[in-house]
């Protein structure tokens, strides 16, 4: 969906996993990404729910911001949770495309807290 392609998208991943990818220059995806055949991302309005649903209780996480326009035709917006369109990358992510990365702290229930800088690009 081209209207969505100009928005910042976000990936939550363990710091160690992202750092290993940065050292190689590419992120192939986490275990769930590899199993599904694409790298899962969230749009700004989706990332808090993603954090609560998939990352509760995990520590040492990073939020990585990527501008969808930088990913070209390998980025597809596909229906997922609740029928919402989610960004999926069908290919490896060049880590140099990260606009920023930020460590995530957790709230009292163990849910990662998404920083206020999560916006569209």
PDB file of N, CA and C in Angstrom:
ATOM      1  N   UNK A   1       0.860  -1.178   0.000  1.00  0.00           N
ATOM      2  CA  UNK A   1       0.000   0.000   0.000  1.00  0.00           C
ATOM      3  C   UNK A   1       0.896   1.227   0.000  1.00  0.00           C
ATOM      4  N   UNK A   2       0.920   1.977  -1.061  1.00  0.00           N
ATOM      5  CA  UNK A   2       1.886   3.060  -1.227  1.00  0.00           C
ATOM      6  C   UNK A   2       1.678   4.216  -0.258  1.00  0.00           C
ATOM      7  N   UNK A   3       0.448   4.468   0.157  1.00  0.00           N
ATOM      8  CA  UNK A   3       0.213   5.572   1.092  1.00  0.00           C
ATOM      9  C   UNK A   3       0.944   5.358   2.413  1.00  0.00           C
ATOM     10  N   UNK A   4       1.144   4.114   2.785  1.00  0.00           N
ATOM     11  CA  UNK A   4       1.826   3.795   4.035  1.00  0.00           C
ATOM     12  C   UNK A   4       3.347   3.823   3.899  1.00  0.00           C
ATOM     13  N   UNK A   5       3.868   3.733   2.671  1.00  0.00           N
ATOM     14  CA  UNK A   5       5.296   3.524   2.493  1.00  0.00           C
ATOM     15  C   UNK A   5       6.155   4.686   2.968  1.00  0.00           C
ATOM     16  N   UNK A   6       5.566   5.873   3.130  1.00  0.00           N
ATOM     17  CA  UNK A   6       6.375   7.016   3.558  1.00  0.00           C
ATOM     18  C   UNK A   6       6.421   7.163   5.071  1.00  0.00           C
ATOM     19  N   UNK A   7       5.904   6.185   5.791  1.00  0.00           N
ATOM     20  CA  UNK A   7       5.880   6.289   7.242  1.00  0.00           C
ATOM     21  C   UNK A   7       7.043   5.550   7.869  1.00  0.00           C
ATOM     22  N   UNK A   8       7.451   6.061   9.017  1.00  0.00           N
ATOM     23  CA  UNK A   8       8.467   5.380   9.794  1.00  0.00           C
ATOM     24  C   UNK A   8       7.867   4.077  10.307  1.00  0.00           C
ATOM     25  N   UNK A   9       8.649   3.016  10.242  1.00  0.00           N
ATOM     26  CA  UNK A   9       8.238   1.729  10.776  1.00  0.00           C
ATOM     27  C   UNK A   9       9.258   1.304  11.824  1.00  0.00           C
ATOM     28  N   UNK A  10       8.859   0.362  12.672  1.00  0.00           N
ATOM     29  CA  UNK A  10       9.656   0.051  13.858  1.00  0.00           C
ATOM     30  C   UNK A  10       9.822  -1.447  14.042  1.00  0.00           C
ATOM     31  N   UNK A  11      11.005  -1.810  14.514  1.00  0.00           N
ATOM     32  CA  UNK A  11      11.322  -3.200  14.833  1.00  0.00           C
ATOM     33  C   UNK A  11      11.793  -3.254  16.280  1.00  0.00           C
ATOM     34  N   UNK A  12      11.187  -4.132  17.053  1.00  0.00           N
ATOM     35  CA  UNK A  12      11.646  -4.392  18.418  1.00  0.00           C
ATOM     36  C   UNK A  12      12.477  -5.662  18.358  1.00  0.00           C
ATOM     37  N   UNK A  13      13.683  -5.608  18.910  1.00  0.00           N
ATOM     38  CA  UNK A  13      14.503  -6.815  18.923  1.00  0.00           C
ATOM     39  C   UNK A  13      15.504  -6.751  20.079  1.00  0.00           C
ATOM     40  N   UNK A  14      16.009  -7.913  20.472  1.00  0.00           N
ATOM     41  CA  UNK A  14      17.023  -7.933  21.520  1.00  0.00           C
ATOM     42  C   UNK A  14      18.269  -7.156  21.080  1.00  0.00           C
ATOM     43  N   UNK A  15      18.844  -6.421  21.998  1.00  0.00           N
ATOM     44  CA  UNK A  15      20.025  -5.601  21.704  1.00  0.00           C
ATOM     45  C   UNK A  15      21.147  -6.450  21.095  1.00  0.00           C
ATOM     46  N   UNK A  16      21.387  -7.611  21.672  1.00  0.00           N
ATOM     47  CA  UNK A  16      22.476  -8.473  21.202  1.00  0.00           C
ATOM     48  C   UNK A  16      22.250  -8.908  19.747  1.00  0.00           C
ATOM     49  N   UNK A  17      21.011  -9.219  19.422  1.00  0.00           N
ATOM     50  CA  UNK A  17      20.663  -9.630  18.060  1.00  0.00           C
ATOM     51  C   UNK A  17      20.887  -8.491  17.065  1.00  0.00           C
ATOM     52  N   UNK A  18      20.468  -7.282  17.453  1.00  0.00           N
ATOM     53  CA  UNK A  18      20.650  -6.130  16.567  1.00  0.00           C
ATOM     54  C   UNK A  18      22.130  -5.797  16.424  1.00  0.00           C
ATOM     55  N   UNK A  19      22.879  -5.847  17.509  1.00  0.00           N
ATOM     56  CA  UNK A  19      24.303  -5.529  17.441  1.00  0.00           C
ATOM     57  C   UNK A  19      25.045  -6.509  16.537  1.00  0.00           C
ATOM     58  N   UNK A  20      24.703  -7.780  16.618  1.00  0.00           N
ATOM     59  CA  UNK A  20      25.318  -8.777  15.732  1.00  0.00           C
ATOM     60  C   UNK A  20      25.006  -8.451  14.270  1.00  0.00           C
ATOM     61  N   UNK A  21      23.775  -8.022  14.006  1.00  0.00           N
ATOM     62  CA  UNK A  21      23.393  -7.651  12.648  1.00  0.00           C
ATOM     63  C   UNK A  21      24.160  -6.421  12.178  1.00  0.00           C
ATOM     64  N   UNK A  22      24.312  -5.428  13.058  1.00  0.00           N
ATOM     65  CA  UNK A  22      25.067  -4.221  12.708  1.00  0.00           C
ATOM     66  C   UNK A  22      26.507  -4.598  12.357  1.00  0.00           C
ATOM     67  N   UNK A  23      27.082  -5.503  13.110  1.00  0.00           N
ATOM     68  CA  UNK A  23      28.454  -5.946  12.830  1.00  0.00           C
ATOM     69  C   UNK A  23      28.570  -6.571  11.441  1.00  0.00           C
ATOM     70  N   UNK A  24      27.507  -7.249  10.986  1.00  0.00           N
ATOM     71  CA  UNK A  24      27.490  -7.881   9.662  1.00  0.00           C
ATOM     72  C   UNK A  24      27.005  -6.928   8.565  1.00  0.00           C
ATOM     73  N   UNK A  25      26.256  -5.891   8.971  1.00  0.00           N
ATOM     74  CA  UNK A  25      25.705  -4.940   8.009  1.00  0.00           C
ATOM     75  C   UNK A  25      24.305  -5.268   7.547  1.00  0.00           C
ATOM     76  N   UNK A  26      23.788  -6.440   7.932  1.00  0.00           N
ATOM     77  CA  UNK A  26      22.431  -6.815   7.547  1.00  0.00           C
ATOM     78  C   UNK A  26      21.735  -7.552   8.686  1.00  0.00           C
ATOM     79  N   UNK A  27      20.434  -7.314   8.761  1.00  0.00           N
ATOM     80  CA  UNK A  27      19.579  -8.010   9.718  1.00  0.00           C
ATOM     81  C   UNK A  27      18.692  -8.943   8.921  1.00  0.00           C
ATOM     82  N   UNK A  28      18.847 -10.239   9.143  1.00  0.00           N
ATOM     83  CA  UNK A  28      18.067 -11.248   8.424  1.00  0.00           C
ATOM     84  C   UNK A  28      16.722 -11.492   9.095  1.00  0.00           C
ATOM     85  N   UNK A  29      16.614 -11.082  10.362  1.00  0.00           N
ATOM     86  CA  UNK A  29      15.380 -11.259  11.106  1.00  0.00           C
ATOM     87  C   UNK A  29      15.585 -12.120  12.329  1.00  0.00           C
ATOM     88  N   UNK A  30      14.605 -12.043  13.220  1.00  0.00           N
ATOM     89  CA  UNK A  30      14.615 -12.875  14.418  1.00  0.00           C
ATOM     90  C   UNK A  30      14.074 -14.260  14.048  1.00  0.00           C
ATOM     91  N   UNK A  31      13.997 -15.145  15.019  1.00  0.00           N
ATOM     92  CA  UNK A  31      13.529 -16.509  14.756  1.00  0.00           C
ATOM     93  C   UNK A  31      12.124 -16.509  14.151  1.00  0.00           C
ATOM     94  N   UNK A  32      11.225 -15.693  14.683  1.00  0.00           N
ATOM     95  CA  UNK A  32       9.852 -15.662  14.144  1.00  0.00           C
ATOM     96  C   UNK A  32       9.833 -15.092  12.721  1.00  0.00           C
ATOM     97  N   UNK A  33      10.688 -14.115  12.450  1.00  0.00           N
ATOM     98  CA  UNK A  33      10.777 -13.558  11.098  1.00  0.00           C
ATOM     99  C   UNK A  33      11.250 -14.633  10.111  1.00  0.00           C
ATOM    100  N   UNK A  34      12.286 -15.339  10.495  1.00  0.00           N
ATOM    101  CA  UNK A  34      12.832 -16.382   9.629  1.00  0.00           C
ATOM    102  C   UNK A  34      11.796 -17.472   9.377  1.00  0.00           C
ATOM    103  N   UNK A  35      11.047 -17.828  10.404  1.00  0.00           N
ATOM    104  CA  UNK A  35      10.011 -18.856  10.257  1.00  0.00           C
ATOM    105  C   UNK A  35       8.883 -18.389   9.337  1.00  0.00           C
ATOM    106  N   UNK A  36       8.537 -17.096   9.397  1.00  0.00           N
ATOM    107  CA  UNK A  36       7.431 -16.555   8.599  1.00  0.00           C
ATOM    108  C   UNK A  36       7.848 -16.145   7.193  1.00  0.00           C
ATOM    109  N   UNK A  37       9.153 -16.000   6.949  1.00  0.00           N
ATOM    110  CA  UNK A  37       9.632 -15.649   5.619  1.00  0.00           C
ATOM    111  C   UNK A  37       9.692 -14.166   5.328  1.00  0.00           C
ATOM    112  N   UNK A  38       9.539 -13.346   6.354  1.00  0.00           N
ATOM    113  CA  UNK A  38       9.645 -11.891   6.202  1.00  0.00           C
ATOM    114  C   UNK A  38       9.962 -11.290   7.561  1.00  0.00           C
ATOM    115  N   UNK A  39      10.477 -10.060   7.545  1.00  0.00           N
ATOM    116  CA  UNK A  39      10.781  -9.352   8.790  1.00  0.00           C
ATOM    117  C   UNK A  39       9.546  -8.553   9.192  1.00  0.00           C
ATOM    118  N   UNK A  40       9.068  -8.815  10.407  1.00  0.00           N
ATOM    119  CA  UNK A  40       7.901  -8.120  10.952  1.00  0.00           C
ATOM    120  C   UNK A  40       8.301  -6.725  11.436  1.00  0.00           C
ATOM    121  N   UNK A  41       7.540  -5.727  11.053  1.00  0.00           N
ATOM    122  CA  UNK A  41       7.673  -4.371  11.568  1.00  0.00           C
ATOM    123  C   UNK A  41       6.306  -3.929  12.070  1.00  0.00           C
ATOM    124  N   UNK A  42       6.279  -2.799  12.752  1.00  0.00           N
ATOM    125  CA  UNK A  42       5.031  -2.173  13.188  1.00  0.00           C
ATOM    126  C   UNK A  42       5.059  -0.710  12.781  1.00  0.00           C
ATOM    127  N   UNK A  43       3.894  -0.188  12.428  1.00  0.00           N
ATOM    128  CA  UNK A  43       3.734   1.246  12.217  1.00  0.00           C
ATOM    129  C   UNK A  43       3.636   1.910  13.586  1.00  0.00           C
ATOM    130  N   UNK A  44       3.708   3.224  13.609  1.00  0.00           N
ATOM    131  CA  UNK A  44       3.699   3.960  14.884  1.00  0.00           C
ATOM    132  C   UNK A  44       2.486   3.606  15.741  1.00  0.00           C
ATOM    133  N   UNK A  45       1.317   3.475  15.134  1.00  0.00           N
ATOM    134  CA  UNK A  45       0.100   3.202  15.912  1.00  0.00           C
ATOM    135  C   UNK A  45       0.004   1.739  16.358  1.00  0.00           C
ATOM    136  N   UNK A  46       0.912   0.898  15.905  1.00  0.00           N
ATOM    137  CA  UNK A  46       0.870  -0.532  16.220  1.00  0.00           C
ATOM    138  C   UNK A  46       1.942  -0.982  17.202  1.00  0.00           C
ATOM    139  N   UNK A  47       2.989  -0.198  17.360  1.00  0.00           N
ATOM    140  CA  UNK A  47       4.176  -0.691  18.058  1.00  0.00           C
ATOM    141  C   UNK A  47       3.938  -0.950  19.546  1.00  0.00           C
ATOM    142  N   UNK A  48       3.091  -0.171  20.215  1.00  0.00           N
ATOM    143  CA  UNK A  48       2.835  -0.422  21.637  1.00  0.00           C
ATOM    144  C   UNK A  48       2.111  -1.754  21.833  1.00  0.00           C
ATOM    145  N   UNK A  49       1.127  -2.031  20.996  1.00  0.00           N
ATOM    146  CA  UNK A  49       0.416  -3.313  21.092  1.00  0.00           C
ATOM    147  C   UNK A  49       1.353  -4.480  20.769  1.00  0.00           C
ATOM    148  N   UNK A  50       2.229  -4.294  19.791  1.00  0.00           N
ATOM    149  CA  UNK A  50       3.220  -5.327  19.468  1.00  0.00           C
ATOM    150  C   UNK A  50       4.116  -5.586  20.664  1.00  0.00           C
ATOM    151  N   UNK A  51       4.547  -4.533  21.321  1.00  0.00           N
ATOM    152  CA  UNK A  51       5.410  -4.673  22.504  1.00  0.00           C
ATOM    153  C   UNK A  51       4.704  -5.475  23.593  1.00  0.00           C
ATOM    154  N   UNK A  52       3.437  -5.149  23.838  1.00  0.00           N
ATOM    155  CA  UNK A  52       2.681  -5.836  24.893  1.00  0.00           C
ATOM    156  C   UNK A  52       2.395  -7.287  24.534  1.00  0.00           C
ATOM    157  N   UNK A  53       2.073  -7.533  23.281  1.00  0.00           N
ATOM    158  CA  UNK A  53       1.674  -8.882  22.854  1.00  0.00           C
ATOM    159  C   UNK A  53       2.863  -9.836  22.719  1.00  0.00           C
ATOM    160  N   UNK A  54       3.985  -9.340  22.213  1.00  0.00           N
ATOM    161  CA  UNK A  54       5.092 -10.229  21.860  1.00  0.00           C
ATOM    162  C   UNK A  54       6.364 -10.070  22.697  1.00  0.00           C
ATOM    163  N   UNK A  55       6.474  -9.002  23.483  1.00  0.00           N
ATOM    164  CA  UNK A  55       7.742  -8.742  24.167  1.00  0.00           C
ATOM    165  C   UNK A  55       7.607  -8.549  25.672  1.00  0.00           C
ATOM    166  N   UNK A  56       6.436  -8.761  26.222  1.00  0.00           N
ATOM    167  CA  UNK A  56       6.229  -8.640  27.672  1.00  0.00           C
ATOM    168  C   UNK A  56       7.218  -9.558  28.401  1.00  0.00           C
ATOM    169  N   UNK A  57       7.862  -9.006  29.421  1.00  0.00           N
ATOM    170  CA  UNK A  57       8.779  -9.788  30.244  1.00  0.00           C
ATOM    171  C   UNK A  57      10.185  -9.919  29.687  1.00  0.00           C
ATOM    172  N   UNK A  58      10.414  -9.422  28.482  1.00  0.00           N
ATOM    173  CA  UNK A  58      11.757  -9.486  27.907  1.00  0.00           C
ATOM    174  C   UNK A  58      12.521  -8.215  28.261  1.00  0.00           C
ATOM    175  N   UNK A  59      13.795  -8.340  28.449  1.00  0.00           N
ATOM    176  CA  UNK A  59      14.636  -7.196  28.789  1.00  0.00           C
ATOM    177  C   UNK A  59      15.735  -7.033  27.745  1.00  0.00           C
ATOM    178  N   UNK A  60      16.444  -5.934  27.845  1.00  0.00           N
ATOM    179  CA  UNK A  60      17.552  -5.606  26.952  1.00  0.00           C
ATOM    180  C   UNK A  60      17.090  -5.571  25.492  1.00  0.00           C
ATOM    181  N   UNK A  61      15.972  -4.875  25.279  1.00  0.00           N
ATOM    182  CA  UNK A  61      15.412  -4.723  23.938  1.00  0.00           C
ATOM    183  C   UNK A  61      15.747  -3.357  23.360  1.00  0.00           C
ATOM    184  N   UNK A  62      15.783  -3.292  22.047  1.00  0.00           N
ATOM    185  CA  UNK A  62      15.942  -2.033  21.324  1.00  0.00           C
ATOM    186  C   UNK A  62      14.732  -1.817  20.436  1.00  0.00           C
ATOM    187  N   UNK A  63      14.406  -0.558  20.232  1.00  0.00           N
ATOM    188  CA  UNK A  63      13.448  -0.169  19.213  1.00  0.00           C
ATOM    189  C   UNK A  63      14.259   0.469  18.093  1.00  0.00           C
ATOM    190  N   UNK A  64      14.114  -0.065  16.893  1.00  0.00           N
ATOM    191  CA  UNK A  64      14.858   0.424  15.734  1.00  0.00           C
ATOM    192  C   UNK A  64      13.859   1.064  14.775  1.00  0.00           C
ATOM    193  N   UNK A  65      14.168   2.282  14.339  1.00  0.00           N
ATOM    194  CA  UNK A  65      13.292   3.030  13.440  1.00  0.00           C
ATOM    195  C   UNK A  65      13.865   3.029  12.025  1.00  0.00           C
ATOM    196  N   UNK A  66      13.001   2.712  11.071  1.00  0.00           N
ATOM    197  CA  UNK A  66      13.367   2.654   9.657  1.00  0.00           C
ATOM    198  C   UNK A  66      12.305   3.433   8.883  1.00  0.00           C
ATOM    199  N   UNK A  67      12.707   4.221   7.896  1.00  0.00           N
ATOM    200  CA  UNK A  67      11.720   4.887   7.042  1.00  0.00           C
ATOM    201  C   UNK A  67      11.324   3.921   5.931  1.00  0.00           C
ATOM    202  N   UNK A  68      10.031   3.654   5.824  1.00  0.00           N
ATOM    203  CA  UNK A  68       9.532   2.708   4.840  1.00  0.00           C
ATOM    204  C   UNK A  68       9.978   3.015   3.419  1.00  0.00           C
ATOM    205  N   UNK A  69      10.113   4.287   3.079  1.00  0.00           N
ATOM    206  CA  UNK A  69      10.544   4.662   1.731  1.00  0.00           C
ATOM    207  C   UNK A  69      11.927   4.118   1.401  1.00  0.00           C
ATOM    208  N   UNK A  70      12.739   3.898   2.417  1.00  0.00           N
ATOM    209  CA  UNK A  70      14.098   3.414   2.196  1.00  0.00           C
ATOM    210  C   UNK A  70      14.152   1.940   1.810  1.00  0.00           C
ATOM    211  N   UNK A  71      13.046   1.226   1.936  1.00  0.00           N
ATOM    212  CA  UNK A  71      13.048  -0.228   1.736  1.00  0.00           C
ATOM    213  C   UNK A  71      12.576  -0.673   0.357  1.00  0.00           C
ATOM    214  N   UNK A  72      12.028   0.236  -0.403  1.00  0.00           N
ATOM    215  CA  UNK A  72      11.636  -0.095  -1.766  1.00  0.00           C
ATOM    216  C   UNK A  72      10.529  -1.117  -1.852  1.00  0.00           C
ATOM    217  N   UNK A  73      10.540  -1.861  -2.948  1.00  0.00           N
ATOM    218  CA  UNK A  73       9.441  -2.776  -3.257  1.00  0.00           C
ATOM    219  C   UNK A  73       9.437  -4.038  -2.400  1.00  0.00           C
ATOM    220  N   UNK A  74      10.482  -4.290  -1.638  1.00  0.00           N
ATOM    221  CA  UNK A  74      10.495  -5.465  -0.758  1.00  0.00           C
ATOM    222  C   UNK A  74       9.607  -5.268   0.470  1.00  0.00           C
ATOM    223  N   UNK A  75       9.188  -4.018   0.731  1.00  0.00           N
ATOM    224  CA  UNK A  75       8.282  -3.737   1.845  1.00  0.00           C
ATOM    225  C   UNK A  75       6.846  -3.869   1.358  1.00  0.00           C
ATOM    226  N   UNK A  76       6.103  -4.744   2.025  1.00  0.00           N
ATOM    227  CA  UNK A  76       4.697  -4.975   1.690  1.00  0.00           C
ATOM    228  C   UNK A  76       3.855  -4.683   2.923  1.00  0.00           C
ATOM    229  N   UNK A  77       2.710  -4.048   2.717  1.00  0.00           N
ATOM    230  CA  UNK A  77       1.749  -3.793   3.800  1.00  0.00           C
ATOM    231  C   UNK A  77       0.660  -4.853   3.682  1.00  0.00           C
ATOM    232  N   UNK A  78       0.575  -5.709   4.694  1.00  0.00           N
ATOM    233  CA  UNK A  78      -0.323  -6.852   4.621  1.00  0.00           C
ATOM    234  C   UNK A  78      -1.219  -6.925   5.854  1.00  0.00           C
ATOM    235  N   UNK A  79      -2.414  -7.435   5.647  1.00  0.00           N
ATOM    236  CA  UNK A  79      -3.374  -7.570   6.745  1.00  0.00           C
ATOM    237  C   UNK A  79      -2.870  -8.574   7.766  1.00  0.00           C
ATOM    238  N   UNK A  80      -3.033  -8.198   9.016  1.00  0.00           N
ATOM    239  CA  UNK A  80      -2.631  -9.071  10.114  1.00  0.00           C
ATOM    240  C   UNK A  80      -3.592  -8.826  11.256  1.00  0.00           C
ATOM    241  N   UNK A  81      -3.071  -8.708  12.461  1.00  0.00           N
ATOM    242  CA  UNK A  81      -3.855  -8.565  13.688  1.00  0.00           C
ATOM    243  C   UNK A  81      -5.029  -7.598  13.519  1.00  0.00           C
ATOM    244  N   UNK A  82      -6.226  -8.096  13.690  1.00  0.00           N
ATOM    245  CA  UNK A  82      -7.420  -7.254  13.618  1.00  0.00           C
ATOM    246  C   UNK A  82      -7.708  -6.694  12.240  1.00  0.00           C
ATOM    247  N   UNK A  83      -7.078  -7.227  11.208  1.00  0.00           N
ATOM    248  CA  UNK A  83      -7.292  -6.733   9.854  1.00  0.00           C
ATOM    249  C   UNK A  83      -6.471  -5.504   9.508  1.00  0.00           C
ATOM    250  N   UNK A  84      -5.670  -5.015  10.455  1.00  0.00           N
ATOM    251  CA  UNK A  84      -4.828  -3.839  10.223  1.00  0.00           C
ATOM    252  C   UNK A  84      -3.693  -4.201   9.260  1.00  0.00           C
ATOM    253  N   UNK A  85      -3.239  -3.232   8.489  1.00  0.00           N
ATOM    254  CA  UNK A  85      -2.109  -3.440   7.591  1.00  0.00           C
ATOM    255  C   UNK A  85      -0.806  -3.267   8.354  1.00  0.00           C
ATOM    256  N   UNK A  86       0.031  -4.297   8.290  1.00  0.00           N
ATOM    257  CA  UNK A  86       1.339  -4.269   8.951  1.00  0.00           C
ATOM    258  C   UNK A  86       2.438  -4.294   7.900  1.00  0.00           C
ATOM    259  N   UNK A  87       3.558  -3.606   8.171  1.00  0.00           N
ATOM    260  CA  UNK A  87       4.681  -3.628   7.238  1.00  0.00           C
ATOM    261  C   UNK A  87       5.513  -4.903   7.409  1.00  0.00           C
ATOM    262  N   UNK A  88       5.749  -5.589   6.287  1.00  0.00           N
ATOM    263  CA  UNK A  88       6.557  -6.798   6.261  1.00  0.00           C
ATOM    264  C   UNK A  88       7.647  -6.619   5.202  1.00  0.00           C
ATOM    265  N   UNK A  89       8.876  -6.899   5.582  1.00  0.00           N
ATOM    266  CA  UNK A  89      10.000  -6.778   4.653  1.00  0.00           C
ATOM    267  C   UNK A  89      10.385  -8.160   4.147  1.00  0.00           C
ATOM    268  N   UNK A  90      10.272  -8.346   2.842  1.00  0.00           N
ATOM    269  CA  UNK A  90      10.635  -9.607   2.199  1.00  0.00           C
ATOM    270  C   UNK A  90      12.061  -9.498   1.672  1.00  0.00           C
ATOM    271  N   UNK A  91      12.997  -9.609   2.568  1.00  0.00           N
ATOM    272  CA  UNK A  91      14.420  -9.512   2.253  1.00  0.00           C
ATOM    273  C   UNK A  91      15.166  -9.090   3.490  1.00  0.00           C
ATOM    274  N   UNK A  92      16.465  -9.045   3.379  1.00  0.00           N
ATOM    275  CA  UNK A  92      17.303  -8.622   4.501  1.00  0.00           C
ATOM    276  C   UNK A  92      17.250  -7.098   4.650  1.00  0.00           C
ATOM    277  N   UNK A  93      17.415  -6.649   5.869  1.00  0.00           N
ATOM    278  CA  UNK A  93      17.446  -5.217   6.172  1.00  0.00           C
ATOM    279  C   UNK A  93      18.887  -4.755   6.287  1.00  0.00           C
ATOM    280  N   UNK A  94      19.271  -3.777   5.494  1.00  0.00           N
ATOM    281  CA  UNK A  94      20.594  -3.165   5.647  1.00  0.00           C
ATOM    282  C   UNK A  94      20.552  -2.318   6.917  1.00  0.00           C
ATOM    283  N   UNK A  95      21.384  -2.656   7.872  1.00  0.00           N
ATOM    284  CA  UNK A  95      21.329  -1.977   9.164  1.00  0.00           C
ATOM    285  C   UNK A  95      21.688  -0.494   9.060  1.00  0.00           C
ATOM    286  N   UNK A  96      22.388  -0.106   8.030  1.00  0.00           N
ATOM    287  CA  UNK A  96      22.725   1.309   7.848  1.00  0.00           C
ATOM    288  C   UNK A  96      21.484   2.161   7.599  1.00  0.00           C
ATOM    289  N   UNK A  97      20.353   1.524   7.273  1.00  0.00           N
ATOM    290  CA  UNK A  97      19.108   2.254   7.037  1.00  0.00           C
ATOM    291  C   UNK A  97      18.410   2.671   8.324  1.00  0.00           C
ATOM    292  N   UNK A  98      18.879   2.176   9.454  1.00  0.00           N
ATOM    293  CA  UNK A  98      18.265   2.561  10.730  1.00  0.00           C
ATOM    294  C   UNK A  98      18.419   4.065  10.929  1.00  0.00           C
ATOM    295  N   UNK A  99      17.308   4.739  11.140  1.00  0.00           N
ATOM    296  CA  UNK A  99      17.334   6.181  11.405  1.00  0.00           C
ATOM    297  C   UNK A  99      17.778   6.438  12.838  1.00  0.00           C
ATOM    298  N   UNK A 100      17.324   5.568  13.739  1.00  0.00           N
ATOM    299  CA  UNK A 100      17.760   5.624  15.136  1.00  0.00           C
ATOM    300  C   UNK A 100      17.390   4.311  15.805  1.00  0.00           C
ATOM    301  N   UNK A 101      18.020   4.096  16.936  1.00  0.00           N
ATOM    302  CA  UNK A 101      17.695   2.953  17.782  1.00  0.00           C
ATOM    303  C   UNK A 101      17.705   3.448  19.222  1.00  0.00           C
ATOM    304  N   UNK A 102      16.837   2.855  20.023  1.00  0.00           N
ATOM    305  CA  UNK A 102      16.723   3.308  21.409  1.00  0.00           C
ATOM    306  C   UNK A 102      16.410   2.122  22.317  1.00  0.00           C
ATOM    307  N   UNK A 103      17.118   2.029  23.448  1.00  0.00           N
ATOM    308  CA  UNK A 103      16.812   0.962  24.407  1.00  0.00           C
ATOM    309  C   UNK A 103      15.399   1.152  24.968  1.00  0.00           C
ATOM    310  N   UNK A 104      14.738   0.034  25.231  1.00  0.00           N
ATOM    311  CA  UNK A 104      13.389   0.075  25.786  1.00  0.00           C
ATOM    312  C   UNK A 104      13.409  -0.337  27.252  1.00  0.00           C
ATOM    313  N   UNK A 105      12.786   0.475  28.067  1.00  0.00           N
ATOM    314  CA  UNK A 105      12.566   0.138  29.467  1.00  0.00           C
ATOM    315  C   UNK A 105      11.187  -0.507  29.553  1.00  0.00           C
ATOM    316  N   UNK A 106      10.938  -1.234  30.650  1.00  0.00           N
ATOM    317  CA  UNK A 106       9.638  -1.887  30.828  1.00  0.00           C
ATOM    318  C   UNK A 106       8.855  -1.229  31.961  1.00  0.00           C
ATOM    319  N   UNK A 107       7.536  -1.288  31.837  1.00  0.00           N
ATOM    320  CA  UNK A 107       6.690  -0.775  32.909  1.00  0.00           C
ATOM    321  C   UNK A 107       6.581  -1.835  34.015  1.00  0.00           C
ATOM    322  N   UNK A 108       5.762  -1.574  35.015  1.00  0.00           N
ATOM    323  CA  UNK A 108       5.634  -2.479  36.161  1.00  0.00           C
ATOM    324  C   UNK A 108       5.080  -3.853  35.795  1.00  0.00           C
ATOM    325  N   UNK A 109       4.434  -3.956  34.638  1.00  0.00           N
ATOM    326  CA  UNK A 109       3.882  -5.247  34.212  1.00  0.00           C
ATOM    327  C   UNK A 109       4.812  -5.979  33.249  1.00  0.00           C
ATOM    328  N   UNK A 110       5.972  -5.403  32.985  1.00  0.00           N
ATOM    329  CA  UNK A 110       6.937  -6.044  32.097  1.00  0.00           C
ATOM    330  C   UNK A 110       6.775  -5.713  30.631  1.00  0.00           C
ATOM    331  N   UNK A 111       5.883  -4.765  30.309  1.00  0.00           N
ATOM    332  CA  UNK A 111       5.669  -4.370  28.920  1.00  0.00           C
ATOM    333  C   UNK A 111       6.660  -3.265  28.550  1.00  0.00           C
ATOM    334  N   UNK A 112       7.362  -3.420  27.429  1.00  0.00           N
ATOM    335  CA  UNK A 112       8.268  -2.354  26.992  1.00  0.00           C
ATOM    336  C   UNK A 112       7.502  -1.046  26.761  1.00  0.00           C
ATOM    337  N   UNK A 113       8.108   0.035  27.197  1.00  0.00           N
ATOM    338  CA  UNK A 113       7.530   1.373  27.047  1.00  0.00           C
ATOM    339  C   UNK A 113       8.067   1.988  25.768  1.00  0.00           C
ATOM    340  N   UNK A 114       7.172   2.366  24.881  1.00  0.00           N
ATOM    341  CA  UNK A 114       7.556   2.936  23.596  1.00  0.00           C
ATOM    342  C   UNK A 114       7.818   4.433  23.770  1.00  0.00           C
ATOM    343  N   UNK A 115       8.977   4.915  23.313  1.00  0.00           N
ATOM    344  CA  UNK A 115       9.315   6.319  23.507  1.00  0.00           C
ATOM    345  C   UNK A 115       8.423   7.257  22.687  1.00  0.00           C
ATOM    346  N   UNK A 116       8.335   8.482  23.150  1.00  0.00           N
ATOM    347  CA  UNK A 116       7.502   9.486  22.524  1.00  0.00           C
ATOM    348  C   UNK A 116       7.975   9.908  21.136  1.00  0.00           C
ATOM    349  N   UNK A 117       9.184   9.571  20.770  1.00  0.00           N
ATOM    350  CA  UNK A 117       9.697   9.961  19.458  1.00  0.00           C
ATOM    351  C   UNK A 117       9.180   9.076  18.325  1.00  0.00           C
ATOM    352  N   UNK A 118       8.327   8.124  18.632  1.00  0.00           N
ATOM    353  CA  UNK A 118       7.748   7.256  17.618  1.00  0.00           C
ATOM    354  C   UNK A 118       6.732   8.069  16.819  1.00  0.00           C
ATOM    355  N   UNK A 119       7.105   8.396  15.572  1.00  0.00           N
ATOM    356  CA  UNK A 119       6.288   9.226  14.692  1.00  0.00           C
ATOM    357  C   UNK A 119       6.481   8.793  13.256  1.00  0.00           C
ATOM    358  N   UNK A 120       5.756   9.432  12.361  1.00  0.00           N
ATOM    359  CA  UNK A 120       5.956   9.215  10.927  1.00  0.00           C
ATOM    360  C   UNK A 120       7.152  10.022  10.462  1.00  0.00           C
ATOM    361  N   UNK A 121       7.761   9.592   9.363  1.00  0.00           N
ATOM    362  CA  UNK A 121       8.912  10.338   8.826  1.00  0.00           C
ATOM    363  C   UNK A 121       8.457  11.323   7.774  1.00  0.00           C
TER     364      UNK A 121
END
